[in-house]
């Protein structure tokens, strides 16, 4: 059994190569990746269209847009998420400071391990 079997994971990532790498890693872990979205609006559209179990969020998106409205929405929906970004944690609002943060360059496998940990044994219906 793969670490993320049956889980739907949203990817919000500005860099297309990193987004594709994360997709491939998630598929290998048994997950269904959604995205990558490179803007807040495209992330909101994906959240509206899919039952998301967890998310991977880059901090700075297309045209220097920040991802925090997406993080706020995921928080309100009680969907766990991690940050994966080359940007300093100094940009991080205090309300998101307790979330796992992976600094670029990261190993996608480390993110899969963290997602498996925060999702625990719970299964989406």
PDB file of N, CA and C in Angstrom:
ATOM      1  N   UNK A   1       0.844  -1.194   0.000  1.00  0.00           N
ATOM      2  CA  UNK A   1       0.000   0.000   0.000  1.00  0.00           C
ATOM      3  C   UNK A   1       0.881   1.245   0.000  1.00  0.00           C
ATOM      4  N   UNK A   2       0.619   2.150  -0.938  1.00  0.00           N
ATOM      5  CA  UNK A   2       1.388   3.386  -1.034  1.00  0.00           C
ATOM      6  C   UNK A   2       0.972   4.346   0.085  1.00  0.00           C
ATOM      7  N   UNK A   3       1.862   5.273   0.397  1.00  0.00           N
ATOM      8  CA  UNK A   3       1.651   6.185   1.527  1.00  0.00           C
ATOM      9  C   UNK A   3       0.385   7.030   1.417  1.00  0.00           C
ATOM     10  N   UNK A   4       0.027   7.428   0.219  1.00  0.00           N
ATOM     11  CA  UNK A   4      -1.101   8.346   0.055  1.00  0.00           C
ATOM     12  C   UNK A   4      -2.221   7.736  -0.788  1.00  0.00           C
ATOM     13  N   UNK A   5      -2.387   6.419  -0.718  1.00  0.00           N
ATOM     14  CA  UNK A   5      -3.421   5.737  -1.506  1.00  0.00           C
ATOM     15  C   UNK A   5      -4.776   6.399  -1.346  1.00  0.00           C
ATOM     16  N   UNK A   6      -5.388   6.737  -2.466  1.00  0.00           N
ATOM     17  CA  UNK A   6      -6.738   7.262  -2.454  1.00  0.00           C
ATOM     18  C   UNK A   6      -6.881   8.707  -2.047  1.00  0.00           C
ATOM     19  N   UNK A   7      -5.791   9.387  -1.764  1.00  0.00           N
ATOM     20  CA  UNK A   7      -5.862  10.787  -1.323  1.00  0.00           C
ATOM     21  C   UNK A   7      -5.779  11.725  -2.522  1.00  0.00           C
ATOM     22  N   UNK A   8      -6.515  12.810  -2.451  1.00  0.00           N
ATOM     23  CA  UNK A   8      -6.475  13.845  -3.482  1.00  0.00           C
ATOM     24  C   UNK A   8      -5.695  15.026  -2.920  1.00  0.00           C
ATOM     25  N   UNK A   9      -4.590  15.350  -3.592  1.00  0.00           N
ATOM     26  CA  UNK A   9      -3.674  16.371  -3.084  1.00  0.00           C
ATOM     27  C   UNK A   9      -3.595  17.531  -4.075  1.00  0.00           C
ATOM     28  N   UNK A  10      -3.903  18.726  -3.600  1.00  0.00           N
ATOM     29  CA  UNK A  10      -3.812  19.944  -4.398  1.00  0.00           C
ATOM     30  C   UNK A  10      -2.367  20.431  -4.416  1.00  0.00           C
ATOM     31  N   UNK A  11      -1.894  20.787  -5.613  1.00  0.00           N
ATOM     32  CA  UNK A  11      -0.572  21.399  -5.764  1.00  0.00           C
ATOM     33  C   UNK A  11      -0.771  22.835  -6.225  1.00  0.00           C
ATOM     34  N   UNK A  12      -0.239  23.778  -5.458  1.00  0.00           N
ATOM     35  CA  UNK A  12      -0.247  25.188  -5.847  1.00  0.00           C
ATOM     36  C   UNK A  12       1.223  25.587  -5.956  1.00  0.00           C
ATOM     37  N   UNK A  13       1.689  25.733  -7.192  1.00  0.00           N
ATOM     38  CA  UNK A  13       3.124  25.897  -7.462  1.00  0.00           C
ATOM     39  C   UNK A  13       3.317  26.763  -8.693  1.00  0.00           C
ATOM     40  N   UNK A  14       4.195  27.746  -8.587  1.00  0.00           N
ATOM     41  CA  UNK A  14       4.467  28.679  -9.666  1.00  0.00           C
ATOM     42  C   UNK A  14       5.391  28.096 -10.737  1.00  0.00           C
ATOM     43  N   UNK A  15       6.301  27.222 -10.364  1.00  0.00           N
ATOM     44  CA  UNK A  15       7.289  26.670 -11.300  1.00  0.00           C
ATOM     45  C   UNK A  15       6.742  25.395 -11.936  1.00  0.00           C
ATOM     46  N   UNK A  16       6.526  25.398 -13.270  1.00  0.00           N
ATOM     47  CA  UNK A  16       5.936  24.225 -13.926  1.00  0.00           C
ATOM     48  C   UNK A  16       6.752  22.938 -13.734  1.00  0.00           C
ATOM     49  N   UNK A  17       8.071  23.033 -13.759  1.00  0.00           N
ATOM     50  CA  UNK A  17       8.907  21.833 -13.599  1.00  0.00           C
ATOM     51  C   UNK A  17       8.737  21.234 -12.205  1.00  0.00           C
ATOM     52  N   UNK A  18       8.709  22.072 -11.191  1.00  0.00           N
ATOM     53  CA  UNK A  18       8.521  21.586  -9.819  1.00  0.00           C
ATOM     54  C   UNK A  18       7.120  21.001  -9.668  1.00  0.00           C
ATOM     55  N   UNK A  19       6.138  21.666 -10.254  1.00  0.00           N
ATOM     56  CA  UNK A  19       4.768  21.159 -10.201  1.00  0.00           C
ATOM     57  C   UNK A  19       4.647  19.774 -10.820  1.00  0.00           C
ATOM     58  N   UNK A  20       5.294  19.563 -11.962  1.00  0.00           N
ATOM     59  CA  UNK A  20       5.250  18.247 -12.612  1.00  0.00           C
ATOM     60  C   UNK A  20       5.986  17.199 -11.792  1.00  0.00           C
ATOM     61  N   UNK A  21       7.088  17.590 -11.175  1.00  0.00           N
ATOM     62  CA  UNK A  21       7.838  16.667 -10.323  1.00  0.00           C
ATOM     63  C   UNK A  21       6.995  16.255  -9.109  1.00  0.00           C
ATOM     64  N   UNK A  22       6.316  17.220  -8.503  1.00  0.00           N
ATOM     65  CA  UNK A  22       5.440  16.906  -7.374  1.00  0.00           C
ATOM     66  C   UNK A  22       4.302  15.980  -7.808  1.00  0.00           C
ATOM     67  N   UNK A  23       3.717  16.243  -8.985  1.00  0.00           N
ATOM     68  CA  UNK A  23       2.649  15.372  -9.506  1.00  0.00           C
ATOM     69  C   UNK A  23       3.145  13.934  -9.624  1.00  0.00           C
ATOM     70  N   UNK A  24       4.305  13.759 -10.241  1.00  0.00           N
ATOM     71  CA  UNK A  24       4.850  12.411 -10.445  1.00  0.00           C
ATOM     72  C   UNK A  24       5.104  11.720  -9.113  1.00  0.00           C
ATOM     73  N   UNK A  25       5.634  12.442  -8.154  1.00  0.00           N
ATOM     74  CA  UNK A  25       5.914  11.871  -6.837  1.00  0.00           C
ATOM     75  C   UNK A  25       4.618  11.479  -6.132  1.00  0.00           C
ATOM     76  N   UNK A  26       3.598  12.318  -6.243  1.00  0.00           N
ATOM     77  CA  UNK A  26       2.308  12.011  -5.615  1.00  0.00           C
ATOM     78  C   UNK A  26       1.658  10.787  -6.254  1.00  0.00           C
ATOM     79  N   UNK A  27       1.727  10.681  -7.574  1.00  0.00           N
ATOM     80  CA  UNK A  27       1.174   9.505  -8.261  1.00  0.00           C
ATOM     81  C   UNK A  27       1.888   8.242  -7.786  1.00  0.00           C
ATOM     82  N   UNK A  28       3.213   8.319  -7.679  1.00  0.00           N
ATOM     83  CA  UNK A  28       3.995   7.167  -7.210  1.00  0.00           C
ATOM     84  C   UNK A  28       3.615   6.779  -5.784  1.00  0.00           C
ATOM     85  N   UNK A  29       3.145   7.748  -5.001  1.00  0.00           N
ATOM     86  CA  UNK A  29       2.740   7.486  -3.611  1.00  0.00           C
ATOM     87  C   UNK A  29       1.278   7.065  -3.514  1.00  0.00           C
ATOM     88  N   UNK A  30       0.606   6.919  -4.660  1.00  0.00           N
ATOM     89  CA  UNK A  30      -0.770   6.452  -4.666  1.00  0.00           C
ATOM     90  C   UNK A  30      -1.823   7.541  -4.626  1.00  0.00           C
ATOM     91  N   UNK A  31      -1.397   8.801  -4.641  1.00  0.00           N
ATOM     92  CA  UNK A  31      -2.334   9.923  -4.548  1.00  0.00           C
ATOM     93  C   UNK A  31      -2.861  10.309  -5.920  1.00  0.00           C
ATOM     94  N   UNK A  32      -3.932  11.084  -5.908  1.00  0.00           N
ATOM     95  CA  UNK A  32      -4.453  11.728  -7.106  1.00  0.00           C
ATOM     96  C   UNK A  32      -4.085  13.204  -7.002  1.00  0.00           C
ATOM     97  N   UNK A  33      -3.100  13.658  -7.778  1.00  0.00           N
ATOM     98  CA  UNK A  33      -2.737  15.074  -7.717  1.00  0.00           C
ATOM     99  C   UNK A  33      -3.731  15.933  -8.484  1.00  0.00           C
ATOM    100  N   UNK A  34      -3.983  17.122  -7.970  1.00  0.00           N
ATOM    101  CA  UNK A  34      -4.826  18.108  -8.614  1.00  0.00           C
ATOM    102  C   UNK A  34      -3.973  19.355  -8.797  1.00  0.00           C
ATOM    103  N   UNK A  35      -3.884  19.833 -10.015  1.00  0.00           N
ATOM    104  CA  UNK A  35      -3.029  20.975 -10.321  1.00  0.00           C
ATOM    105  C   UNK A  35      -1.781  20.508 -11.032  1.00  0.00           C
ATOM    106  N   UNK A  36      -0.792  21.313 -11.111  1.00  0.00           N
ATOM    107  CA  UNK A  36      -0.532  22.501 -10.288  1.00  0.00           C
ATOM    108  C   UNK A  36      -1.302  23.745 -10.740  1.00  0.00           C
ATOM    109  N   UNK A  37      -1.772  24.476  -9.749  1.00  0.00           N
ATOM    110  CA  UNK A  37      -2.345  25.801  -9.958  1.00  0.00           C
ATOM    111  C   UNK A  37      -1.218  26.801  -9.738  1.00  0.00           C
ATOM    112  N   UNK A  38      -1.171  27.852 -10.570  1.00  0.00           N
ATOM    113  CA  UNK A  38      -0.098  28.841 -10.395  1.00  0.00           C
ATOM    114  C   UNK A  38      -0.621  30.199  -9.943  1.00  0.00           C
ATOM    115  N   UNK A  39      -1.900  30.250  -9.546  1.00  0.00           N
ATOM    116  CA  UNK A  39      -2.486  31.503  -9.051  1.00  0.00           C
ATOM    117  C   UNK A  39      -3.542  31.181  -8.002  1.00  0.00           C
ATOM    118  N   UNK A  40      -3.902  32.187  -7.231  1.00  0.00           N
ATOM    119  CA  UNK A  40      -4.931  32.010  -6.215  1.00  0.00           C
ATOM    120  C   UNK A  40      -6.256  31.634  -6.876  1.00  0.00           C
ATOM    121  N   UNK A  41      -6.620  32.320  -7.949  1.00  0.00           N
ATOM    122  CA  UNK A  41      -7.893  32.026  -8.625  1.00  0.00           C
ATOM    123  C   UNK A  41      -7.939  30.600  -9.160  1.00  0.00           C
ATOM    124  N   UNK A  42      -6.854  30.140  -9.776  1.00  0.00           N
ATOM    125  CA  UNK A  42      -6.862  28.771 -10.307  1.00  0.00           C
ATOM    126  C   UNK A  42      -6.896  27.752  -9.171  1.00  0.00           C
ATOM    127  N   UNK A  43      -6.267  28.065  -8.041  1.00  0.00           N
ATOM    128  CA  UNK A  43      -6.330  27.173  -6.874  1.00  0.00           C
ATOM    129  C   UNK A  43      -7.761  27.110  -6.335  1.00  0.00           C
ATOM    130  N   UNK A  44      -8.431  28.259  -6.243  1.00  0.00           N
ATOM    131  CA  UNK A  44      -9.822  28.276  -5.775  1.00  0.00           C
ATOM    132  C   UNK A  44     -10.720  27.459  -6.696  1.00  0.00           C
ATOM    133  N   UNK A  45     -10.488  27.542  -8.007  1.00  0.00           N
ATOM    134  CA  UNK A  45     -11.290  26.765  -8.962  1.00  0.00           C
ATOM    135  C   UNK A  45     -11.098  25.272  -8.724  1.00  0.00           C
ATOM    136  N   UNK A  46      -9.862  24.855  -8.483  1.00  0.00           N
ATOM    137  CA  UNK A  46      -9.595  23.435  -8.226  1.00  0.00           C
ATOM    138  C   UNK A  46     -10.216  22.983  -6.902  1.00  0.00           C
ATOM    139  N   UNK A  47     -10.162  23.833  -5.889  1.00  0.00           N
ATOM    140  CA  UNK A  47     -10.775  23.500  -4.592  1.00  0.00           C
ATOM    141  C   UNK A  47     -12.288  23.336  -4.761  1.00  0.00           C
ATOM    142  N   UNK A  48     -12.893  24.187  -5.588  1.00  0.00           N
ATOM    143  CA  UNK A  48     -14.338  24.120  -5.811  1.00  0.00           C
ATOM    144  C   UNK A  48     -14.736  22.854  -6.574  1.00  0.00           C
ATOM    145  N   UNK A  49     -13.843  22.362  -7.424  1.00  0.00           N
ATOM    146  CA  UNK A  49     -14.173  21.231  -8.306  1.00  0.00           C
ATOM    147  C   UNK A  49     -13.747  19.864  -7.774  1.00  0.00           C
ATOM    148  N   UNK A  50     -12.972  19.806  -6.708  1.00  0.00           N
ATOM    149  CA  UNK A  50     -12.439  18.534  -6.206  1.00  0.00           C
ATOM    150  C   UNK A  50     -12.580  18.437  -4.690  1.00  0.00           C
ATOM    151  N   UNK A  51     -12.703  17.232  -4.206  1.00  0.00           N
ATOM    152  CA  UNK A  51     -12.676  16.978  -2.765  1.00  0.00           C
ATOM    153  C   UNK A  51     -11.204  16.803  -2.377  1.00  0.00           C
ATOM    154  N   UNK A  52     -10.610  17.861  -1.869  1.00  0.00           N
ATOM    155  CA  UNK A  52      -9.179  17.896  -1.563  1.00  0.00           C
ATOM    156  C   UNK A  52      -8.942  17.327  -0.167  1.00  0.00           C
ATOM    157  N   UNK A  53      -7.968  16.402  -0.063  1.00  0.00           N
ATOM    158  CA  UNK A  53      -7.605  15.841   1.242  1.00  0.00           C
ATOM    159  C   UNK A  53      -6.463  16.612   1.904  1.00  0.00           C
ATOM    160  N   UNK A  54      -5.574  17.194   1.092  1.00  0.00           N
ATOM    161  CA  UNK A  54      -4.424  17.948   1.602  1.00  0.00           C
ATOM    162  C   UNK A  54      -3.867  18.780   0.454  1.00  0.00           C
ATOM    163  N   UNK A  55      -2.924  19.673   0.783  1.00  0.00           N
ATOM    164  CA  UNK A  55      -2.365  20.547  -0.250  1.00  0.00           C
ATOM    165  C   UNK A  55      -0.895  20.847   0.003  1.00  0.00           C
ATOM    166  N   UNK A  56      -0.211  21.138  -1.098  1.00  0.00           N
ATOM    167  CA  UNK A  56       1.175  21.606  -1.084  1.00  0.00           C
ATOM    168  C   UNK A  56       1.151  23.014  -1.667  1.00  0.00           C
ATOM    169  N   UNK A  57       1.624  23.999  -0.910  1.00  0.00           N
ATOM    170  CA  UNK A  57       1.505  25.395  -1.309  1.00  0.00           C
ATOM    171  C   UNK A  57       2.853  26.080  -1.451  1.00  0.00           C
ATOM    172  N   UNK A  58       3.114  26.627  -2.632  1.00  0.00           N
ATOM    173  CA  UNK A  58       4.230  27.552  -2.826  1.00  0.00           C
ATOM    174  C   UNK A  58       3.764  28.901  -2.286  1.00  0.00           C
ATOM    175  N   UNK A  59       4.650  29.710  -1.753  1.00  0.00           N
ATOM    176  CA  UNK A  59       4.237  30.983  -1.160  1.00  0.00           C
ATOM    177  C   UNK A  59       4.001  32.059  -2.216  1.00  0.00           C
ATOM    178  N   UNK A  60       4.981  32.228  -3.119  1.00  0.00           N
ATOM    179  CA  UNK A  60       4.853  33.288  -4.128  1.00  0.00           C
ATOM    180  C   UNK A  60       4.470  32.644  -5.452  1.00  0.00           C
ATOM    181  N   UNK A  61       3.361  33.136  -6.017  1.00  0.00           N
ATOM    182  CA  UNK A  61       2.805  32.557  -7.229  1.00  0.00           C
ATOM    183  C   UNK A  61       3.012  33.484  -8.429  1.00  0.00           C
ATOM    184  N   UNK A  62       2.269  33.234  -9.471  1.00  0.00           N
ATOM    185  CA  UNK A  62       2.344  34.006 -10.708  1.00  0.00           C
ATOM    186  C   UNK A  62       2.148  35.494 -10.432  1.00  0.00           C
ATOM    187  N   UNK A  63       2.969  36.325 -11.061  1.00  0.00           N
ATOM    188  CA  UNK A  63       2.908  37.791 -10.900  1.00  0.00           C
ATOM    189  C   UNK A  63       3.038  38.223  -9.447  1.00  0.00           C
ATOM    190  N   UNK A  64       3.875  37.516  -8.686  1.00  0.00           N
ATOM    191  CA  UNK A  64       4.163  37.844  -7.279  1.00  0.00           C
ATOM    192  C   UNK A  64       2.945  37.802  -6.358  1.00  0.00           C
ATOM    193  N   UNK A  65       1.912  37.091  -6.768  1.00  0.00           N
ATOM    194  CA  UNK A  65       0.746  36.885  -5.922  1.00  0.00           C
ATOM    195  C   UNK A  65       1.145  35.958  -4.765  1.00  0.00           C
ATOM    196  N   UNK A  66       0.599  36.192  -3.579  1.00  0.00           N
ATOM    197  CA  UNK A  66       0.891  35.350  -2.418  1.00  0.00           C
ATOM    198  C   UNK A  66      -0.231  34.336  -2.205  1.00  0.00           C
ATOM    199  N   UNK A  67       0.128  33.155  -1.723  1.00  0.00           N
ATOM    200  CA  UNK A  67      -0.795  32.024  -1.612  1.00  0.00           C
ATOM    201  C   UNK A  67      -1.691  32.063  -0.370  1.00  0.00           C
ATOM    202  N   UNK A  68      -1.503  33.005   0.513  1.00  0.00           N
ATOM    203  CA  UNK A  68      -2.155  32.953   1.815  1.00  0.00           C
ATOM    204  C   UNK A  68      -3.690  32.944   1.779  1.00  0.00           C
ATOM    205  N   UNK A  69      -4.367  33.575   0.797  1.00  0.00           N
ATOM    206  CA  UNK A  69      -5.828  33.395   0.735  1.00  0.00           C
ATOM    207  C   UNK A  69      -6.231  31.930   0.517  1.00  0.00           C
ATOM    208  N   UNK A  70      -5.425  31.189  -0.222  1.00  0.00           N
ATOM    209  CA  UNK A  70      -5.689  29.757  -0.418  1.00  0.00           C
ATOM    210  C   UNK A  70      -5.497  29.020   0.907  1.00  0.00           C
ATOM    211  N   UNK A  71      -4.421  29.336   1.607  1.00  0.00           N
ATOM    212  CA  UNK A  71      -4.162  28.701   2.906  1.00  0.00           C
ATOM    213  C   UNK A  71      -5.300  29.009   3.884  1.00  0.00           C
ATOM    214  N   UNK A  72      -5.781  30.238   3.887  1.00  0.00           N
ATOM    215  CA  UNK A  72      -6.894  30.610   4.768  1.00  0.00           C
ATOM    216  C   UNK A  72      -8.141  29.781   4.443  1.00  0.00           C
ATOM    217  N   UNK A  73      -8.418  29.611   3.154  1.00  0.00           N
ATOM    218  CA  UNK A  73      -9.586  28.823   2.732  1.00  0.00           C
ATOM    219  C   UNK A  73      -9.425  27.364   3.145  1.00  0.00           C
ATOM    220  N   UNK A  74      -8.240  26.797   2.921  1.00  0.00           N
ATOM    221  CA  UNK A  74      -8.001  25.410   3.327  1.00  0.00           C
ATOM    222  C   UNK A  74      -8.159  25.257   4.832  1.00  0.00           C
ATOM    223  N   UNK A  75      -7.676  26.230   5.574  1.00  0.00           N
ATOM    224  CA  UNK A  75      -7.811  26.218   7.033  1.00  0.00           C
ATOM    225  C   UNK A  75      -9.293  26.195   7.425  1.00  0.00           C
ATOM    226  N   UNK A  76     -10.086  27.045   6.784  1.00  0.00           N
ATOM    227  CA  UNK A  76     -11.516  27.105   7.078  1.00  0.00           C
ATOM    228  C   UNK A  76     -12.221  25.787   6.727  1.00  0.00           C
ATOM    229  N   UNK A  77     -11.727  25.117   5.689  1.00  0.00           N
ATOM    230  CA  UNK A  77     -12.297  23.837   5.264  1.00  0.00           C
ATOM    231  C   UNK A  77     -11.716  22.654   6.045  1.00  0.00           C
ATOM    232  N   UNK A  78     -10.767  22.934   6.918  1.00  0.00           N
ATOM    233  CA  UNK A  78     -10.086  21.908   7.731  1.00  0.00           C
ATOM    234  C   UNK A  78      -9.315  20.911   6.863  1.00  0.00           C
ATOM    235  N   UNK A  79      -8.711  21.437   5.795  1.00  0.00           N
ATOM    236  CA  UNK A  79      -7.873  20.636   4.906  1.00  0.00           C
ATOM    237  C   UNK A  79      -6.417  20.921   5.274  1.00  0.00           C
ATOM    238  N   UNK A  80      -5.656  19.892   5.662  1.00  0.00           N
ATOM    239  CA  UNK A  80      -4.258  20.128   6.025  1.00  0.00           C
ATOM    240  C   UNK A  80      -3.402  20.511   4.812  1.00  0.00           C
ATOM    241  N   UNK A  81      -2.354  21.271   5.074  1.00  0.00           N
ATOM    242  CA  UNK A  81      -1.475  21.711   3.989  1.00  0.00           C
ATOM    243  C   UNK A  81      -0.073  21.920   4.522  1.00  0.00           C
ATOM    244  N   UNK A  82       0.866  21.915   3.577  1.00  0.00           N
ATOM    245  CA  UNK A  82       2.260  22.218   3.871  1.00  0.00           C
ATOM    246  C   UNK A  82       2.705  23.300   2.892  1.00  0.00           C
ATOM    247  N   UNK A  83       3.719  24.038   3.292  1.00  0.00           N
ATOM    248  CA  UNK A  83       4.326  25.023   2.402  1.00  0.00           C
ATOM    249  C   UNK A  83       5.607  24.441   1.826  1.00  0.00           C
ATOM    250  N   UNK A  84       5.823  24.690   0.530  1.00  0.00           N
ATOM    251  CA  UNK A  84       7.053  24.277  -0.149  1.00  0.00           C
ATOM    252  C   UNK A  84       7.475  25.453  -1.012  1.00  0.00           C
ATOM    253  N   UNK A  85       8.484  26.194  -0.560  1.00  0.00           N
ATOM    254  CA  UNK A  85       8.784  27.454  -1.212  1.00  0.00           C
ATOM    255  C   UNK A  85      10.255  27.820  -1.078  1.00  0.00           C
ATOM    256  N   UNK A  86      10.722  28.589  -2.028  1.00  0.00           N
ATOM    257  CA  UNK A  86      12.064  29.148  -1.952  1.00  0.00           C
ATOM    258  C   UNK A  86      12.078  30.480  -1.237  1.00  0.00           C
ATOM    259  N   UNK A  87      10.926  30.917  -0.821  1.00  0.00           N
ATOM    260  CA  UNK A  87      10.816  32.201  -0.117  1.00  0.00           C
ATOM    261  C   UNK A  87      11.022  32.009   1.374  1.00  0.00           C
ATOM    262  N   UNK A  88      11.504  33.024   1.995  1.00  0.00           N
ATOM    263  CA  UNK A  88      11.767  32.987   3.424  1.00  0.00           C
ATOM    264  C   UNK A  88      10.480  32.808   4.215  1.00  0.00           C
ATOM    265  N   UNK A  89      10.599  32.152   5.339  1.00  0.00           N
ATOM    266  CA  UNK A  89       9.455  32.041   6.240  1.00  0.00           C
ATOM    267  C   UNK A  89       9.101  33.405   6.849  1.00  0.00           C
ATOM    268  N   UNK A  90       9.958  34.416   6.628  1.00  0.00           N
ATOM    269  CA  UNK A  90       9.662  35.763   7.124  1.00  0.00           C
ATOM    270  C   UNK A  90       8.382  36.320   6.493  1.00  0.00           C
ATOM    271  N   UNK A  91       8.026  35.830   5.298  1.00  0.00           N
ATOM    272  CA  UNK A  91       6.781  36.259   4.654  1.00  0.00           C
ATOM    273  C   UNK A  91       5.550  35.618   5.281  1.00  0.00           C
ATOM    274  N   UNK A  92       5.763  34.605   6.090  1.00  0.00           N
ATOM    275  CA  UNK A  92       4.671  33.797   6.617  1.00  0.00           C
ATOM    276  C   UNK A  92       3.885  34.562   7.679  1.00  0.00           C
ATOM    277  N   UNK A  93       2.573  34.735   7.471  1.00  0.00           N
ATOM    278  CA  UNK A  93       1.750  35.319   8.532  1.00  0.00           C
ATOM    279  C   UNK A  93       1.765  34.399   9.763  1.00  0.00           C
ATOM    280  N   UNK A  94       1.666  34.983  10.920  1.00  0.00           N
ATOM    281  CA  UNK A  94       1.698  34.198  12.157  1.00  0.00           C
ATOM    282  C   UNK A  94       0.649  33.095  12.169  1.00  0.00           C
ATOM    283  N   UNK A  95      -0.508  33.345  11.557  1.00  0.00           N
ATOM    284  CA  UNK A  95      -1.588  32.357  11.583  1.00  0.00           C
ATOM    285  C   UNK A  95      -1.231  31.062  10.847  1.00  0.00           C
ATOM    286  N   UNK A  96      -0.192  31.114  10.011  1.00  0.00           N
ATOM    287  CA  UNK A  96       0.238  29.917   9.283  1.00  0.00           C
ATOM    288  C   UNK A  96       1.618  29.432   9.734  1.00  0.00           C
ATOM    289  N   UNK A  97       2.167  30.058  10.731  1.00  0.00           N
ATOM    290  CA  UNK A  97       3.529  29.754  11.164  1.00  0.00           C
ATOM    291  C   UNK A  97       3.732  28.365  11.731  1.00  0.00           C
ATOM    292  N   UNK A  98       2.644  27.687  12.109  1.00  0.00           N
ATOM    293  CA  UNK A  98       2.782  26.354  12.693  1.00  0.00           C
ATOM    294  C   UNK A  98       2.730  25.248  11.637  1.00  0.00           C
ATOM    295  N   UNK A  99       2.573  25.598  10.363  1.00  0.00           N
ATOM    296  CA  UNK A  99       2.471  24.593   9.305  1.00  0.00           C
ATOM    297  C   UNK A  99       3.860  24.138   8.855  1.00  0.00           C
ATOM    298  N   UNK A 100       3.971  22.883   8.437  1.00  0.00           N
ATOM    299  CA  UNK A 100       5.263  22.400   7.936  1.00  0.00           C
ATOM    300  C   UNK A 100       5.732  23.246   6.750  1.00  0.00           C
ATOM    301  N   UNK A 101       7.034  23.519   6.722  1.00  0.00           N
ATOM    302  CA  UNK A 101       7.628  24.349   5.670  1.00  0.00           C
ATOM    303  C   UNK A 101       8.819  23.616   5.073  1.00  0.00           C
ATOM    304  N   UNK A 102       8.813  23.458   3.758  1.00  0.00           N
ATOM    305  CA  UNK A 102       9.919  22.836   3.035  1.00  0.00           C
ATOM    306  C   UNK A 102      10.562  23.889   2.156  1.00  0.00           C
ATOM    307  N   UNK A 103      11.854  24.123   2.373  1.00  0.00           N
ATOM    308  CA  UNK A 103      12.599  25.130   1.642  1.00  0.00           C
ATOM    309  C   UNK A 103      13.112  24.534   0.338  1.00  0.00           C
ATOM    310  N   UNK A 104      12.952  25.275  -0.760  1.00  0.00           N
ATOM    311  CA  UNK A 104      13.485  24.827  -2.050  1.00  0.00           C
ATOM    312  C   UNK A 104      14.989  25.015  -2.040  1.00  0.00           C
ATOM    313  N   UNK A 105      15.738  24.099  -2.597  1.00  0.00           N
ATOM    314  CA  UNK A 105      15.255  22.872  -3.230  1.00  0.00           C
ATOM    315  C   UNK A 105      14.932  21.816  -2.173  1.00  0.00           C
ATOM    316  N   UNK A 106      13.781  21.192  -2.313  1.00  0.00           N
ATOM    317  CA  UNK A 106      13.360  20.146  -1.390  1.00  0.00           C
ATOM    318  C   UNK A 106      13.313  18.826  -2.144  1.00  0.00           C
ATOM    319  N   UNK A 107      13.201  17.751  -1.397  1.00  0.00           N
ATOM    320  CA  UNK A 107      12.994  16.430  -1.990  1.00  0.00           C
ATOM    321  C   UNK A 107      11.502  16.140  -1.901  1.00  0.00           C
ATOM    322  N   UNK A 108      10.814  15.954  -3.034  1.00  0.00           N
ATOM    323  CA  UNK A 108       9.369  15.706  -2.993  1.00  0.00           C
ATOM    324  C   UNK A 108       8.982  14.545  -2.074  1.00  0.00           C
ATOM    325  N   UNK A 109       9.864  13.564  -1.947  1.00  0.00           N
ATOM    326  CA  UNK A 109       9.575  12.412  -1.083  1.00  0.00           C
ATOM    327  C   UNK A 109       9.399  12.843   0.368  1.00  0.00           C
ATOM    328  N   UNK A 110      10.132  13.878   0.784  1.00  0.00           N
ATOM    329  CA  UNK A 110       9.981  14.393   2.153  1.00  0.00           C
ATOM    330  C   UNK A 110       8.586  14.986   2.355  1.00  0.00           C
ATOM    331  N   UNK A 111       8.073  15.641   1.330  1.00  0.00           N
ATOM    332  CA  UNK A 111       6.734  16.222   1.420  1.00  0.00           C
ATOM    333  C   UNK A 111       5.688  15.113   1.499  1.00  0.00           C
ATOM    334  N   UNK A 112       5.869  14.054   0.707  1.00  0.00           N
ATOM    335  CA  UNK A 112       4.949  12.909   0.756  1.00  0.00           C
ATOM    336  C   UNK A 112       4.934  12.313   2.162  1.00  0.00           C
ATOM    337  N   UNK A 113       6.094  12.157   2.770  1.00  0.00           N
ATOM    338  CA  UNK A 113       6.181  11.625   4.130  1.00  0.00           C
ATOM    339  C   UNK A 113       5.408  12.505   5.113  1.00  0.00           C
ATOM    340  N   UNK A 114       5.580  13.821   4.985  1.00  0.00           N
ATOM    341  CA  UNK A 114       4.885  14.754   5.896  1.00  0.00           C
ATOM    342  C   UNK A 114       3.380  14.717   5.668  1.00  0.00           C
ATOM    343  N   UNK A 115       2.954  14.671   4.414  1.00  0.00           N
ATOM    344  CA  UNK A 115       1.512  14.601   4.121  1.00  0.00           C
ATOM    345  C   UNK A 115       0.924  13.316   4.706  1.00  0.00           C
ATOM    346  N   UNK A 116       1.622  12.206   4.553  1.00  0.00           N
ATOM    347  CA  UNK A 116       1.149  10.937   5.127  1.00  0.00           C
ATOM    348  C   UNK A 116       1.017  11.056   6.635  1.00  0.00           C
ATOM    349  N   UNK A 117       1.978  11.742   7.254  1.00  0.00           N
ATOM    350  CA  UNK A 117       1.961  11.916   8.713  1.00  0.00           C
ATOM    351  C   UNK A 117       0.773  12.766   9.149  1.00  0.00           C
ATOM    352  N   UNK A 118       0.553  13.915   8.477  1.00  0.00           N
ATOM    353  CA  UNK A 118      -0.519  14.795   8.928  1.00  0.00           C
ATOM    354  C   UNK A 118      -1.905  14.257   8.555  1.00  0.00           C
ATOM    355  N   UNK A 119      -1.964  13.418   7.525  1.00  0.00           N
ATOM    356  CA  UNK A 119      -3.251  12.810   7.185  1.00  0.00           C
ATOM    357  C   UNK A 119      -3.542  11.607   8.066  1.00  0.00           C
ATOM    358  N   UNK A 120      -2.516  11.049   8.682  1.00  0.00           N
ATOM    359  CA  UNK A 120      -2.695   9.919   9.588  1.00  0.00           C
ATOM    360  C   UNK A 120      -3.384   8.755   8.919  1.00  0.00           C
ATOM    361  N   UNK A 121      -4.101   7.993   9.661  1.00  0.00           N
ATOM    362  CA  UNK A 121      -4.780   6.826   9.125  1.00  0.00           C
ATOM    363  C   UNK A 121      -6.172   7.130   8.611  1.00  0.00           C
ATOM    364  N   UNK A 122      -6.596   8.397   8.720  1.00  0.00           N
ATOM    365  CA  UNK A 122      -7.949   8.737   8.313  1.00  0.00           C
ATOM    366  C   UNK A 122      -8.097   8.607   6.807  1.00  0.00           C
ATOM    367  N   UNK A 123      -9.246   8.173   6.364  1.00  0.00           N
ATOM    368  CA  UNK A 123      -9.528   8.022   4.949  1.00  0.00           C
ATOM    369  C   UNK A 123     -10.678   8.939   4.559  1.00  0.00           C
ATOM    370  N   UNK A 124     -10.551   9.530   3.397  1.00  0.00           N
ATOM    371  CA  UNK A 124     -11.666  10.335   2.867  1.00  0.00           C
ATOM    372  C   UNK A 124     -12.787   9.391   2.456  1.00  0.00           C
ATOM    373  N   UNK A 125     -13.994   9.848   2.623  1.00  0.00           N
ATOM    374  CA  UNK A 125     -15.156   9.005   2.277  1.00  0.00           C
ATOM    375  C   UNK A 125     -15.319   8.940   0.766  1.00  0.00           C
TER     376      UNK A 125
END
